[in-house]
C-alpha atoms as a PDB file:
ATOM      1  CA  UNK A   1       0.000   0.000   0.000  1.00  0.00           C
ATOM      2  CA  UNK A   2       1.380   3.413  -1.006  1.00  0.00           C
ATOM      3  CA  UNK A   3       1.680   5.978   1.799  1.00  0.00           C
ATOM      4  CA  UNK A   4       1.902   9.657   0.956  1.00  0.00           C
ATOM      5  CA  UNK A   5       3.939  12.209   2.893  1.00  0.00           C
ATOM      6  CA  UNK A   6       4.671  15.873   2.490  1.00  0.00           C
ATOM      7  CA  UNK A   7       8.420  15.394   2.842  1.00  0.00           C
ATOM      8  CA  UNK A   8      11.138  12.772   2.917  1.00  0.00           C
ATOM      9  CA  UNK A   9      14.065  13.710   5.166  1.00  0.00           C
ATOM     10  CA  UNK A  10      17.336  11.850   4.686  1.00  0.00           C
ATOM     11  CA  UNK A  11      19.455  11.856   7.828  1.00  0.00           C
ATOM     12  CA  UNK A  12      18.501  12.527  11.439  1.00  0.00           C
ATOM     13  CA  UNK A  13      21.487  14.350  12.862  1.00  0.00           C
ATOM     14  CA  UNK A  14      21.210  17.873  14.217  1.00  0.00           C
ATOM     15  CA  UNK A  15      19.910  19.286  10.922  1.00  0.00           C
ATOM     16  CA  UNK A  16      17.448  16.482  10.182  1.00  0.00           C
ATOM     17  CA  UNK A  17      16.120  16.413  13.755  1.00  0.00           C
ATOM     18  CA  UNK A  18      15.465  20.158  13.864  1.00  0.00           C
ATOM     19  CA  UNK A  19      13.846  20.179  10.419  1.00  0.00           C
ATOM     20  CA  UNK A  20      11.635  17.161  11.106  1.00  0.00           C
ATOM     21  CA  UNK A  21      10.447  18.690  14.367  1.00  0.00           C
ATOM     22  CA  UNK A  22       9.821  22.085  12.761  1.00  0.00           C
ATOM     23  CA  UNK A  23       7.784  20.605   9.907  1.00  0.00           C
ATOM     24  CA  UNK A  24       5.712  18.413  12.206  1.00  0.00           C
ATOM     25  CA  UNK A  25       4.887  21.442  14.360  1.00  0.00           C
ATOM     26  CA  UNK A  26       3.551  23.058  11.189  1.00  0.00           C
ATOM     27  CA  UNK A  27       1.201  20.140  10.634  1.00  0.00           C
ATOM     28  CA  UNK A  28       3.269  18.463   7.916  1.00  0.00           C
ATOM     29  CA  UNK A  29       3.868  14.744   7.517  1.00  0.00           C
ATOM     30  CA  UNK A  30       7.443  13.517   7.168  1.00  0.00           C
ATOM     31  CA  UNK A  31       9.239  10.234   6.669  1.00  0.00           C
ATOM     32  CA  UNK A  32      12.779  10.220   7.999  1.00  0.00           C
ATOM     33  CA  UNK A  33      15.380   7.707   6.802  1.00  0.00           C
ATOM     34  CA  UNK A  34      18.431   7.328   8.974  1.00  0.00           C
ATOM     35  CA  UNK A  35      21.268   5.101  10.091  1.00  0.00           C
ATOM     36  CA  UNK A  36      21.966   6.170  13.695  1.00  0.00           C
ATOM     37  CA  UNK A  37      25.431   4.634  13.748  1.00  0.00           C
ATOM     38  CA  UNK A  38      26.448   6.827  10.802  1.00  0.00           C
ATOM     39  CA  UNK A  39      25.559  10.118  12.555  1.00  0.00           C
ATOM     40  CA  UNK A  40      28.959  10.247  14.142  1.00  0.00           C
ATOM     41  CA  UNK A  41      29.430  14.018  14.193  1.00  0.00           C
ATOM     42  CA  UNK A  42      26.019  14.700  15.748  1.00  0.00           C
ATOM     43  CA  UNK A  43      25.968  11.787  18.161  1.00  0.00           C
ATOM     44  CA  UNK A  44      29.423  12.411  19.663  1.00  0.00           C
ATOM     45  CA  UNK A  45      29.190  16.219  19.684  1.00  0.00           C
ATOM     46  CA  UNK A  46      29.632  18.013  23.006  1.00  0.00           C
ATOM     47  CA  UNK A  47      26.778  20.299  21.973  1.00  0.00           C
ATOM     48  CA  UNK A  48      28.553  23.497  23.043  1.00  0.00           C
ATOM     49  CA  UNK A  49      27.055  26.797  21.926  1.00  0.00           C
ATOM     50  CA  UNK A  50      29.010  30.011  22.362  1.00  0.00           C
ATOM     51  CA  UNK A  51      28.286  33.493  20.968  1.00  0.00           C
ATOM     52  CA  UNK A  52      31.986  34.495  21.045  1.00  0.00           C
ATOM     53  CA  UNK A  53      34.163  32.241  18.944  1.00  0.00           C
ATOM     54  CA  UNK A  54      37.197  31.944  16.692  1.00  0.00           C
ATOM     55  CA  UNK A  55      40.854  32.663  17.258  1.00  0.00           C
ATOM     56  CA  UNK A  56      40.122  36.377  17.398  1.00  0.00           C
ATOM     57  CA  UNK A  57      37.246  35.764  19.858  1.00  0.00           C
ATOM     58  CA  UNK A  58      34.635  37.840  18.061  1.00  0.00           C
ATOM     59  CA  UNK A  59      30.842  37.714  18.124  1.00  0.00           C
ATOM     60  CA  UNK A  60      29.784  34.775  16.024  1.00  0.00           C
ATOM     61  CA  UNK A  61      27.898  35.307  12.768  1.00  0.00           C
ATOM     62  CA  UNK A  62      24.209  36.161  13.320  1.00  0.00           C
ATOM     63  CA  UNK A  63      24.527  35.743  17.096  1.00  0.00           C
ATOM     64  CA  UNK A  64      21.751  38.271  17.767  1.00  0.00           C
ATOM     65  CA  UNK A  65      19.293  36.122  15.801  1.00  0.00           C
ATOM     66  CA  UNK A  66      20.606  32.617  16.413  1.00  0.00           C
ATOM     67  CA  UNK A  67      21.026  32.516  20.179  1.00  0.00           C
ATOM     68  CA  UNK A  68      17.628  33.835  21.325  1.00  0.00           C
ATOM     69  CA  UNK A  69      16.054  31.508  18.749  1.00  0.00           C
ATOM     70  CA  UNK A  70      17.918  28.375  19.831  1.00  0.00           C
ATOM     71  CA  UNK A  71      17.075  28.998  23.495  1.00  0.00           C
ATOM     72  CA  UNK A  72      13.350  29.211  22.735  1.00  0.00           C
ATOM     73  CA  UNK A  73      13.500  26.244  20.349  1.00  0.00           C
ATOM     74  CA  UNK A  74      15.280  23.753  22.613  1.00  0.00           C
ATOM     75  CA  UNK A  75      13.458  24.920  25.756  1.00  0.00           C
ATOM     76  CA  UNK A  76      10.066  24.501  24.090  1.00  0.00           C
ATOM     77  CA  UNK A  77      10.875  21.107  22.576  1.00  0.00           C
ATOM     78  CA  UNK A  78      12.248  19.916  25.903  1.00  0.00           C
ATOM     79  CA  UNK A  79       8.988  20.777  27.633  1.00  0.00           C
ATOM     80  CA  UNK A  80       6.917  19.133  24.905  1.00  0.00           C
ATOM     81  CA  UNK A  81       9.004  15.968  24.816  1.00  0.00           C
ATOM     82  CA  UNK A  82       9.552  15.793  28.567  1.00  0.00           C
ATOM     83  CA  UNK A  83      13.343  15.676  28.407  1.00  0.00           C
ATOM     84  CA  UNK A  84      16.028  17.910  29.874  1.00  0.00           C
ATOM     85  CA  UNK A  85      18.593  18.171  27.071  1.00  0.00           C
ATOM     86  CA  UNK A  86      19.154  21.950  26.969  1.00  0.00           C
ATOM     87  CA  UNK A  87      21.414  23.643  29.521  1.00  0.00           C
ATOM     88  CA  UNK A  88      22.357  27.311  29.849  1.00  0.00           C
ATOM     89  CA  UNK A  89      25.738  27.584  31.568  1.00  0.00           C
ATOM     90  CA  UNK A  90      28.383  30.341  31.422  1.00  0.00           C
ATOM     91  CA  UNK A  91      31.650  29.639  29.666  1.00  0.00           C
ATOM     92  CA  UNK A  92      34.784  30.700  31.504  1.00  0.00           C
ATOM     93  CA  UNK A  93      37.762  31.443  29.270  1.00  0.00           C
ATOM     94  CA  UNK A  94      41.072  32.100  31.080  1.00  0.00           C
ATOM     95  CA  UNK A  95      43.429  34.841  29.917  1.00  0.00           C
ATOM     96  CA  UNK A  96      46.918  33.744  28.962  1.00  0.00           C
ATOM     97  CA  UNK A  97      48.599  37.037  29.826  1.00  0.00           C
ATOM     98  CA  UNK A  98      48.094  40.358  31.570  1.00  0.00           C
ATOM     99  CA  UNK A  99      48.152  41.974  28.129  1.00  0.00           C
ATOM    100  CA  UNK A 100      45.188  39.883  26.986  1.00  0.00           C
ATOM    101  CA  UNK A 101      43.305  40.780  30.152  1.00  0.00           C
ATOM    102  CA  UNK A 102      43.805  44.508  29.473  1.00  0.00           C
ATOM    103  CA  UNK A 103      42.742  44.039  25.837  1.00  0.00           C
ATOM    104  CA  UNK A 104      39.512  42.394  26.974  1.00  0.00           C
ATOM    105  CA  UNK A 105      38.873  45.137  29.505  1.00  0.00           C
ATOM    106  CA  UNK A 106      38.686  47.556  26.576  1.00  0.00           C
ATOM    107  CA  UNK A 107      36.945  45.122  24.225  1.00  0.00           C
ATOM    108  CA  UNK A 108      34.216  44.251  26.720  1.00  0.00           C
ATOM    109  CA  UNK A 109      33.012  47.861  26.780  1.00  0.00           C
ATOM    110  CA  UNK A 110      32.027  47.853  23.120  1.00  0.00           C
ATOM    111  CA  UNK A 111      28.307  47.586  22.341  1.00  0.00           C
ATOM    112  CA  UNK A 112      29.074  44.605  20.105  1.00  0.00           C
ATOM    113  CA  UNK A 113      30.479  42.522  22.949  1.00  0.00           C
ATOM    114  CA  UNK A 114      29.297  44.064  26.222  1.00  0.00           C
ATOM    115  CA  UNK A 115      25.982  42.207  26.503  1.00  0.00           C
ATOM    116  CA  UNK A 116      27.708  38.878  25.828  1.00  0.00           C
ATOM    117  CA  UNK A 117      30.089  39.210  28.784  1.00  0.00           C
ATOM    118  CA  UNK A 118      28.750  38.247  32.207  1.00  0.00           C
ATOM    119  CA  UNK A 119      31.866  39.297  34.054  1.00  0.00           C
ATOM    120  CA  UNK A 120      35.505  40.126  33.455  1.00  0.00           C
ATOM    121  CA  UNK A 121      37.794  38.659  36.111  1.00  0.00           C
ATOM    122  CA  UNK A 122      41.110  40.493  36.401  1.00  0.00           C
ATOM    123  CA  UNK A 123      42.303  38.134  39.134  1.00  0.00           C
ATOM    124  CA  UNK A 124      42.350  34.330  39.339  1.00  0.00           C
ATOM    125  CA  UNK A 125      38.888  32.818  39.779  1.00  0.00           C
ATOM    126  CA  UNK A 126      37.802  29.204  40.258  1.00  0.00           C
ATOM    127  CA  UNK A 127      41.518  28.638  40.883  1.00  0.00           C
ATOM    128  CA  UNK A 128      40.831  25.313  42.594  1.00  0.00           C
ATOM    129  CA  UNK A 129      39.437  24.076  39.287  1.00  0.00           C
ATOM    130  CA  UNK A 130      41.012  25.977  36.382  1.00  0.00           C
ATOM    131  CA  UNK A 131      44.458  27.378  35.605  1.00  0.00           C
ATOM    132  CA  UNK A 132      43.969  31.137  35.235  1.00  0.00           C
ATOM    133  CA  UNK A 133      46.723  33.252  36.844  1.00  0.00           C
ATOM    134  CA  UNK A 134      45.581  36.335  34.901  1.00  0.00           C
ATOM    135  CA  UNK A 135      41.823  35.897  35.375  1.00  0.00           C
ATOM    136  CA  UNK A 136      39.401  35.408  32.490  1.00  0.00           C
ATOM    137  CA  UNK A 137      35.992  36.246  31.055  1.00  0.00           C
ATOM    138  CA  UNK A 138      32.607  34.679  31.676  1.00  0.00           C
ATOM    139  CA  UNK A 139      30.513  34.486  28.518  1.00  0.00           C
ATOM    140  CA  UNK A 140      26.730  34.849  28.557  1.00  0.00           C
ATOM    141  CA  UNK A 141      24.122  33.173  26.288  1.00  0.00           C
ATOM    142  CA  UNK A 142      26.280  30.048  26.311  1.00  0.00           C
ATOM    143  CA  UNK A 143      25.799  26.462  27.379  1.00  0.00           C
ATOM    144  CA  UNK A 144      25.390  23.024  25.913  1.00  0.00           C
ATOM    145  CA  UNK A 145      22.841  20.729  24.342  1.00  0.00           C
ATOM    146  CA  UNK A 146      22.965  17.040  25.192  1.00  0.00           C
ATOM    147  CA  UNK A 147      23.035  16.270  21.485  1.00  0.00           C
ATOM    148  CA  UNK A 148      22.782  12.516  21.895  1.00  0.00           C
ATOM    149  CA  UNK A 149      19.705  12.798  24.111  1.00  0.00           C
ATOM    150  CA  UNK A 150      18.101  15.400  21.803  1.00  0.00           C
ATOM    151  CA  UNK A 151      18.552  13.219  18.722  1.00  0.00           C
ATOM    152  CA  UNK A 152      17.430   9.994  20.413  1.00  0.00           C
ATOM    153  CA  UNK A 153      14.367  11.740  21.887  1.00  0.00           C
ATOM    154  CA  UNK A 154      13.317  13.058  18.478  1.00  0.00           C
ATOM    155  CA  UNK A 155      13.958   9.605  17.013  1.00  0.00           C
ATOM    156  CA  UNK A 156      11.673   7.978  19.573  1.00  0.00           C
ATOM    157  CA  UNK A 157       8.999  10.569  18.820  1.00  0.00           C
ATOM    158  CA  UNK A 158       9.266   9.926  15.077  1.00  0.00           C
ATOM    159  CA  UNK A 159       9.116   6.155  15.577  1.00  0.00           C
ATOM    160  CA  UNK A 160       6.069   6.498  17.783  1.00  0.00           C
ATOM    161  CA  UNK A 161       4.223   8.341  15.026  1.00  0.00           C
ATOM    162  CA  UNK A 162       5.316   6.107  12.152  1.00  0.00           C
ATOM    163  CA  UNK A 163       7.585   8.816  10.699  1.00  0.00           C
ATOM    164  CA  UNK A 164      10.892   6.959  10.844  1.00  0.00           C
ATOM    165  CA  UNK A 165      12.650   4.152   8.984  1.00  0.00           C
ATOM    166  CA  UNK A 166      16.003   2.910  10.234  1.00  0.00           C
ATOM    167  CA  UNK A 167      17.849   1.854   7.118  1.00  0.00           C
ATOM    168  CA  UNK A 168      20.516   2.942   4.681  1.00  0.00           C
ATOM    169  CA  UNK A 169      18.859   5.216   2.139  1.00  0.00           C
ATOM    170  CA  UNK A 170      19.330   3.752  -1.349  1.00  0.00           C
ATOM    171  CA  UNK A 171      19.465   6.641  -3.771  1.00  0.00           C
ATOM    172  CA  UNK A 172      19.222   4.263  -6.739  1.00  0.00           C
ATOM    173  CA  UNK A 173      15.671   3.397  -5.618  1.00  0.00           C
ATOM    174  CA  UNK A 174      14.627   7.066  -5.636  1.00  0.00           C
ATOM    175  CA  UNK A 175      12.347   8.183  -8.484  1.00  0.00           C
ATOM    176  CA  UNK A 176      12.112  11.932  -8.982  1.00  0.00           C
ATOM    177  CA  UNK A 177       9.482  13.591 -11.136  1.00  0.00           C
ATOM    178  CA  UNK A 178       6.622  15.887 -10.218  1.00  0.00           C
ATOM    179  CA  UNK A 179       6.256  13.607  -7.240  1.00  0.00           C
ATOM    180  CA  UNK A 180       9.018  11.875  -5.248  1.00  0.00           C
ATOM    181  CA  UNK A 181       8.737   8.103  -4.939  1.00  0.00           C
ATOM    182  CA  UNK A 182      10.888   5.888  -2.758  1.00  0.00           C
ATOM    183  CA  UNK A 183       9.908   2.224  -2.516  1.00  0.00           C
ATOM    184  CA  UNK A 184       6.313   2.111  -1.206  1.00  0.00           C
ATOM    185  CA  UNK A 185       6.179   5.792  -0.184  1.00  0.00           C
ATOM    186  CA  UNK A 186       5.679   9.087  -2.031  1.00  0.00           C
ATOM    187  CA  UNK A 187       6.315  12.703  -1.056  1.00  0.00           C
ATOM    188  CA  UNK A 188       6.145  16.179  -2.530  1.00  0.00           C
ATOM    189  CA  UNK A 189       9.796  16.945  -1.788  1.00  0.00           C
ATOM    190  CA  UNK A 190      12.907  15.274  -0.443  1.00  0.00           C
ATOM    191  CA  UNK A 191      15.427  17.054   1.794  1.00  0.00           C
ATOM    192  CA  UNK A 192      18.944  15.679   2.174  1.00  0.00           C
ATOM    193  CA  UNK A 193      20.284  16.316   5.692  1.00  0.00           C
ATOM    194  CA  UNK A 194      22.855  13.549   5.533  1.00  0.00           C
ATOM    195  CA  UNK A 195      26.111  15.391   6.188  1.00  0.00           C
ATOM    196  CA  UNK A 196      29.218  13.985   4.537  1.00  0.00           C
ATOM    197  CA  UNK A 197      27.149  11.380   2.639  1.00  0.00           C
ATOM    198  CA  UNK A 198      26.016  14.202   0.329  1.00  0.00           C
ATOM    199  CA  UNK A 199      29.396  13.929  -1.384  1.00  0.00           C
ATOM    200  CA  UNK A 200      28.296  10.555  -2.780  1.00  0.00           C
ATOM    201  CA  UNK A 201      24.905  11.839  -3.931  1.00  0.00           C
ATOM    202  CA  UNK A 202      24.144  12.197  -7.636  1.00  0.00           C
ATOM    203  CA  UNK A 203      22.244  15.335  -6.720  1.00  0.00           C
ATOM    204  CA  UNK A 204      24.684  17.265  -4.557  1.00  0.00           C
ATOM    205  CA  UNK A 205      28.192  15.888  -5.092  1.00  0.00           C
ATOM    206  CA  UNK A 206      29.048  19.092  -6.985  1.00  0.00           C
ATOM    207  CA  UNK A 207      28.720  21.235  -3.863  1.00  0.00           C
ATOM    208  CA  UNK A 208      32.033  22.177  -2.192  1.00  0.00           C
ATOM    209  CA  UNK A 209      31.449  20.377   1.092  1.00  0.00           C
ATOM    210  CA  UNK A 210      34.672  19.990   3.037  1.00  0.00           C
ATOM    211  CA  UNK A 211      35.080  17.258   5.620  1.00  0.00           C
ATOM    212  CA  UNK A 212      36.552  18.055   9.018  1.00  0.00           C
ATOM    213  CA  UNK A 213      37.429  15.242  11.391  1.00  0.00           C
ATOM    214  CA  UNK A 214      37.149  15.864  15.106  1.00  0.00           C
ATOM    215  CA  UNK A 215      38.190  13.673  18.017  1.00  0.00           C
ATOM    216  CA  UNK A 216      37.000  13.994  21.611  1.00  0.00           C
ATOM    217  CA  UNK A 217      37.588  12.402  24.991  1.00  0.00           C
ATOM    218  CA  UNK A 218      35.082  11.406  27.640  1.00  0.00           C
ATOM    219  CA  UNK A 219      36.693  12.031  31.024  1.00  0.00           C
ATOM    220  CA  UNK A 220      35.675  11.617  34.635  1.00  0.00           C
ATOM    221  CA  UNK A 221      36.435  14.532  36.950  1.00  0.00           C
ATOM    222  CA  UNK A 222      36.275  14.109  40.710  1.00  0.00           C
ATOM    223  CA  UNK A 223      34.850  17.573  41.435  1.00  0.00           C
ATOM    224  CA  UNK A 224      32.064  19.209  39.414  1.00  0.00           C
ATOM    225  CA  UNK A 225      33.410  22.280  37.561  1.00  0.00           C
ATOM    226  CA  UNK A 226      31.487  25.471  38.297  1.00  0.00           C
ATOM    227  CA  UNK A 227      31.544  26.644  34.681  1.00  0.00           C
ATOM    228  CA  UNK A 228      32.226  25.332  31.191  1.00  0.00           C
ATOM    229  CA  UNK A 229      35.964  25.871  30.896  1.00  0.00           C
ATOM    230  CA  UNK A 230      37.195  26.592  27.387  1.00  0.00           C
ATOM    231  CA  UNK A 231      40.694  27.465  26.270  1.00  0.00           C
ATOM    232  CA  UNK A 232      42.519  25.260  23.768  1.00  0.00           C
ATOM    233  CA  UNK A 233      39.950  22.584  24.592  1.00  0.00           C
ATOM    234  CA  UNK A 234      36.496  22.665  26.177  1.00  0.00           C
ATOM    235  CA  UNK A 235      35.270  20.762  29.214  1.00  0.00           C
ATOM    236  CA  UNK A 236      31.517  20.219  28.818  1.00  0.00           C
ATOM    237  CA  UNK A 237      29.199  18.068  30.985  1.00  0.00           C
ATOM    238  CA  UNK A 238      27.753  14.926  29.414  1.00  0.00           C
ATOM    239  CA  UNK A 239      25.676  11.932  30.455  1.00  0.00           C
ATOM    240  CA  UNK A 240      26.961  10.132  33.522  1.00  0.00           C
ATOM    241  CA  UNK A 241      28.007  11.215  37.005  1.00  0.00           C
ATOM    242  CA  UNK A 242      30.979  13.603  36.874  1.00  0.00           C
ATOM    243  CA  UNK A 243      31.420  12.828  33.186  1.00  0.00           C
ATOM    244  CA  UNK A 244      32.619  15.465  30.691  1.00  0.00           C
ATOM    245  CA  UNK A 245      33.484  15.762  27.037  1.00  0.00           C
ATOM    246  CA  UNK A 246      36.832  17.244  26.068  1.00  0.00           C
ATOM    247  CA  UNK A 247      37.568  18.419  22.567  1.00  0.00           C
ATOM    248  CA  UNK A 248      37.979  18.897  19.882  1.00  0.00           C
ATOM    249  CA  UNK A 249      40.673  18.287  17.318  1.00  0.00           C
ATOM    250  CA  UNK A 250      40.310  19.674  13.794  1.00  0.00           C
ATOM    251  CA  UNK A 251      41.733  17.702  10.898  1.00  0.00           C
ATOM    252  CA  UNK A 252      40.973  18.333   7.246  1.00  0.00           C
ATOM    253  CA  UNK A 253      40.960  15.549   4.665  1.00  0.00           C
ATOM    254  CA  UNK A 254      42.760  13.336   3.964  1.00  0.00           C
ATOM    255  CA  UNK A 255      42.546  11.627   7.332  1.00  0.00           C
ATOM    256  CA  UNK A 256      42.265   8.158   8.810  1.00  0.00           C
ATOM    257  CA  UNK A 257      38.900   7.128  10.218  1.00  0.00           C
ATOM    258  CA  UNK A 258      38.759   6.196  13.866  1.00  0.00           C
ATOM    259  CA  UNK A 259      40.411   7.547  17.023  1.00  0.00           C
ATOM    260  CA  UNK A 260      44.167   8.139  17.055  1.00  0.00           C
ATOM    261  CA  UNK A 261      46.771   8.090  19.860  1.00  0.00           C
ATOM    262  CA  UNK A 262      48.089  11.458  18.647  1.00  0.00           C
ATOM    263  CA  UNK A 263      44.719  13.140  19.200  1.00  0.00           C
ATOM    264  CA  UNK A 264      44.339  11.481  22.598  1.00  0.00           C
ATOM    265  CA  UNK A 265      47.690  12.816  23.760  1.00  0.00           C
ATOM    266  CA  UNK A 266      47.013  16.276  22.336  1.00  0.00           C
ATOM    267  CA  UNK A 267      43.645  16.579  24.094  1.00  0.00           C
ATOM    268  CA  UNK A 268      45.057  15.170  27.346  1.00  0.00           C
ATOM    269  CA  UNK A 269      47.904  17.704  27.324  1.00  0.00           C
ATOM    270  CA  UNK A 270      45.649  20.658  26.614  1.00  0.00           C
ATOM    271  CA  UNK A 271      43.163  19.630  29.302  1.00  0.00           C
ATOM    272  CA  UNK A 272      46.010  19.321  31.830  1.00  0.00           C
ATOM    273  CA  UNK A 273      47.029  22.882  30.939  1.00  0.00           C
ATOM    274  CA  UNK A 274      43.440  24.128  31.335  1.00  0.00           C
ATOM    275  CA  UNK A 275      42.183  22.570  34.575  1.00  0.00           C
ATOM    276  CA  UNK A 276      43.754  21.949  37.967  1.00  0.00           C
ATOM    277  CA  UNK A 277      41.456  19.007  38.715  1.00  0.00           C
ATOM    278  CA  UNK A 278      42.512  15.358  38.407  1.00  0.00           C
ATOM    279  CA  UNK A 279      40.739  13.437  35.661  1.00  0.00           C
ATOM    280  CA  UNK A 280      40.577   9.963  34.147  1.00  0.00           C
ATOM    281  CA  UNK A 281      40.126   9.292  30.439  1.00  0.00           C
ATOM    282  CA  UNK A 282      37.205   6.890  30.001  1.00  0.00           C
ATOM    283  CA  UNK A 283      36.630   6.861  26.260  1.00  0.00           C
ATOM    284  CA  UNK A 284      37.806   8.392  22.996  1.00  0.00           C
ATOM    285  CA  UNK A 285      35.548   9.019  19.995  1.00  0.00           C
ATOM    286  CA  UNK A 286      35.509  10.777  16.662  1.00  0.00           C
ATOM    287  CA  UNK A 287      33.230  12.188  13.975  1.00  0.00           C
ATOM    288  CA  UNK A 288      33.281  13.921  10.600  1.00  0.00           C
ATOM    289  CA  UNK A 289      31.675  17.331  10.280  1.00  0.00           C
ATOM    290  CA  UNK A 290      30.503  18.708   6.915  1.00  0.00           C
ATOM    291  CA  UNK A 291      31.858  22.251   6.519  1.00  0.00           C
ATOM    292  CA  UNK A 292      31.786  24.823   3.722  1.00  0.00           C
ATOM    293  CA  UNK A 293      34.418  27.174   2.238  1.00  0.00           C
ATOM    294  CA  UNK A 294      32.616  30.278   3.529  1.00  0.00           C
ATOM    295  CA  UNK A 295      31.567  28.689   6.858  1.00  0.00           C
ATOM    296  CA  UNK A 296      27.893  29.163   6.062  1.00  0.00           C
ATOM    297  CA  UNK A 297      25.274  26.396   5.867  1.00  0.00           C
ATOM    298  CA  UNK A 298      23.965  25.085   2.544  1.00  0.00           C
ATOM    299  CA  UNK A 299      20.204  25.296   2.049  1.00  0.00           C
ATOM    300  CA  UNK A 300      18.020  25.182  -0.991  1.00  0.00           C
ATOM    301  CA  UNK A 301      16.744  23.311  -4.046  1.00  0.00           C
ATOM    302  CA  UNK A 302      18.759  21.491  -6.658  1.00  0.00           C
ATOM    303  CA  UNK A 303      19.315  23.731  -9.728  1.00  0.00           C
ATOM    304  CA  UNK A 304      17.366  21.442 -12.049  1.00  0.00           C
ATOM    305  CA  UNK A 305      14.676  20.121  -9.684  1.00  0.00           C
ATOM    306  CA  UNK A 306      13.079  22.248  -6.969  1.00  0.00           C
ATOM    307  CA  UNK A 307      11.641  19.148  -5.290  1.00  0.00           C
ATOM    308  CA  UNK A 308      15.123  17.926  -4.319  1.00  0.00           C
ATOM    309  CA  UNK A 309      16.491  20.039  -1.466  1.00  0.00           C
ATOM    310  CA  UNK A 310      19.557  20.113   0.778  1.00  0.00           C
ATOM    311  CA  UNK A 311      20.145  21.220   4.389  1.00  0.00           C
ATOM    312  CA  UNK A 312      23.804  20.666   5.162  1.00  0.00           C
ATOM    313  CA  UNK A 313      27.197  22.186   5.948  1.00  0.00           C
ATOM    314  CA  UNK A 314      26.542  23.187   9.561  1.00  0.00           C
ATOM    315  CA  UNK A 315      30.140  22.417  10.507  1.00  0.00           C
ATOM    316  CA  UNK A 316      31.095  22.841  14.152  1.00  0.00           C
ATOM    317  CA  UNK A 317      28.054  25.006  14.967  1.00  0.00           C
ATOM    318  CA  UNK A 318      25.202  22.628  14.262  1.00  0.00           C
ATOM    319  CA  UNK A 319      23.607  23.149  17.674  1.00  0.00           C
ATOM    320  CA  UNK A 320      23.253  26.900  17.165  1.00  0.00           C
ATOM    321  CA  UNK A 321      22.573  26.928  13.402  1.00  0.00           C
ATOM    322  CA  UNK A 322      20.082  24.080  12.991  1.00  0.00           C
ATOM    323  CA  UNK A 323      17.021  25.527  14.822  1.00  0.00           C
ATOM    324  CA  UNK A 324      17.067  28.912  13.077  1.00  0.00           C
ATOM    325  CA  UNK A 325      17.714  27.592   9.589  1.00  0.00           C
ATOM    326  CA  UNK A 326      15.323  24.658   9.979  1.00  0.00           C
ATOM    327  CA  UNK A 327      12.697  27.312  10.689  1.00  0.00           C
ATOM    328  CA  UNK A 328      13.763  29.338   7.658  1.00  0.00           C
ATOM    329  CA  UNK A 329      13.834  26.300   5.376  1.00  0.00           C
ATOM    330  CA  UNK A 330      10.426  25.108   6.604  1.00  0.00           C
ATOM    331  CA  UNK A 331       8.988  28.529   5.803  1.00  0.00           C
ATOM    332  CA  UNK A 332      10.471  28.421   2.321  1.00  0.00           C
ATOM    333  CA  UNK A 333       9.096  24.915   1.753  1.00  0.00           C
ATOM    334  CA  UNK A 334       5.638  26.267   2.584  1.00  0.00           C
ATOM    335  CA  UNK A 335       6.109  29.215   0.244  1.00  0.00           C
ATOM    336  CA  UNK A 336       6.091  31.675   3.137  1.00  0.00           C
ATOM    337  CA  UNK A 337       9.566  33.156   2.904  1.00  0.00           C
ATOM    338  CA  UNK A 338      12.869  33.270   1.087  1.00  0.00           C
ATOM    339  CA  UNK A 339      16.170  31.639   1.895  1.00  0.00           C
ATOM    340  CA  UNK A 340      18.935  33.997   2.944  1.00  0.00           C
ATOM    341  CA  UNK A 341      21.403  34.613   0.115  1.00  0.00           C
ATOM    342  CA  UNK A 342      24.249  33.852   2.538  1.00  0.00           C
ATOM    343  CA  UNK A 343      23.080  30.243   2.946  1.00  0.00           C
ATOM    344  CA  UNK A 344      21.270  29.541  -0.341  1.00  0.00           C
ATOM    345  CA  UNK A 345      23.158  26.971  -2.444  1.00  0.00           C
ATOM    346  CA  UNK A 346      22.536  29.250  -5.413  1.00  0.00           C
ATOM    347  CA  UNK A 347      25.800  30.931  -4.372  1.00  0.00           C
ATOM    348  CA  UNK A 348      27.593  27.845  -5.715  1.00  0.00           C
ATOM    349  CA  UNK A 349      25.583  27.484  -8.887  1.00  0.00           C
ATOM    350  CA  UNK A 350      28.637  28.238 -11.042  1.00  0.00           C
ATOM    351  CA  UNK A 351      30.039  24.863  -9.933  1.00  0.00           C
ATOM    352  CA  UNK A 352      27.030  22.943 -11.231  1.00  0.00           C
ATOM    353  CA  UNK A 353      26.841  21.316 -14.649  1.00  0.00           C
ATOM    354  CA  UNK A 354      24.190  18.821 -15.774  1.00  0.00           C
END
């Protein structure tokens, strides 16, 4: 028996989860195809969100729009689904010199940054937990999403409503015309949210997705840190008593799949330089993030078929980007808004040839 849906969604990582939830809240029917074991980047992510990022420590792109939106999105979904996966918690970033502390004293008074700083510490703080002889800054509107719990909770919801199939999506079985047909199901449109797998797609392999491998550690710390500590590496709470994620490494292709001893030693060294607490390494993991040359997500329809759509390239900021742009994409799918030119895949159209 043929079942009809409004949308097929391929992949249920951070992008696919946010989009599926957004569409369902709008009264749309979806069928999500996913292989949970392949969502490595989303499932192992620490889920950190931070409005001040980068080597230069500047306000992240679209922070004024993204961060209020993500707080409302995850808080509301948590209440609806009855799970506590969203956590607001200040980030404490130690200064490495008196000069840096003085620079931040000036920088923190700018209108651009002032509202994102909870407090500037010009003397050591939390010294029993973190190495910070010159003090540091506490960052507001920050925290973490328990990404694994968020994704598994959405998955359970989808399964409970018959909106989920756990299998490898076989693109060869996809028939695309005025209507999308896949095996016994049909849909109006199909949205690919499948991360690095898009590079093997006949539809989107032309897009300049760049793969970035990241490795993390799960560590056990005897004393609960009072903040998220972040300098060189982050220390973010995760599931389990006194358990924390430490990361991340950044390695562009080519790279070997799987965890490496080099990354383990690098993360261990940097954590030892950051915190003054003893810790034990419990586990090491890894994932591959899909990134883009301009560090902006990729949204929009295929150049030759508007019913084939992509939502990808969230990189290291999937937690903060996915709610806002899932909302924007859902609006576009309904014909109620346009896609931002900064994220529309039309910006790469010159790379496409039929």
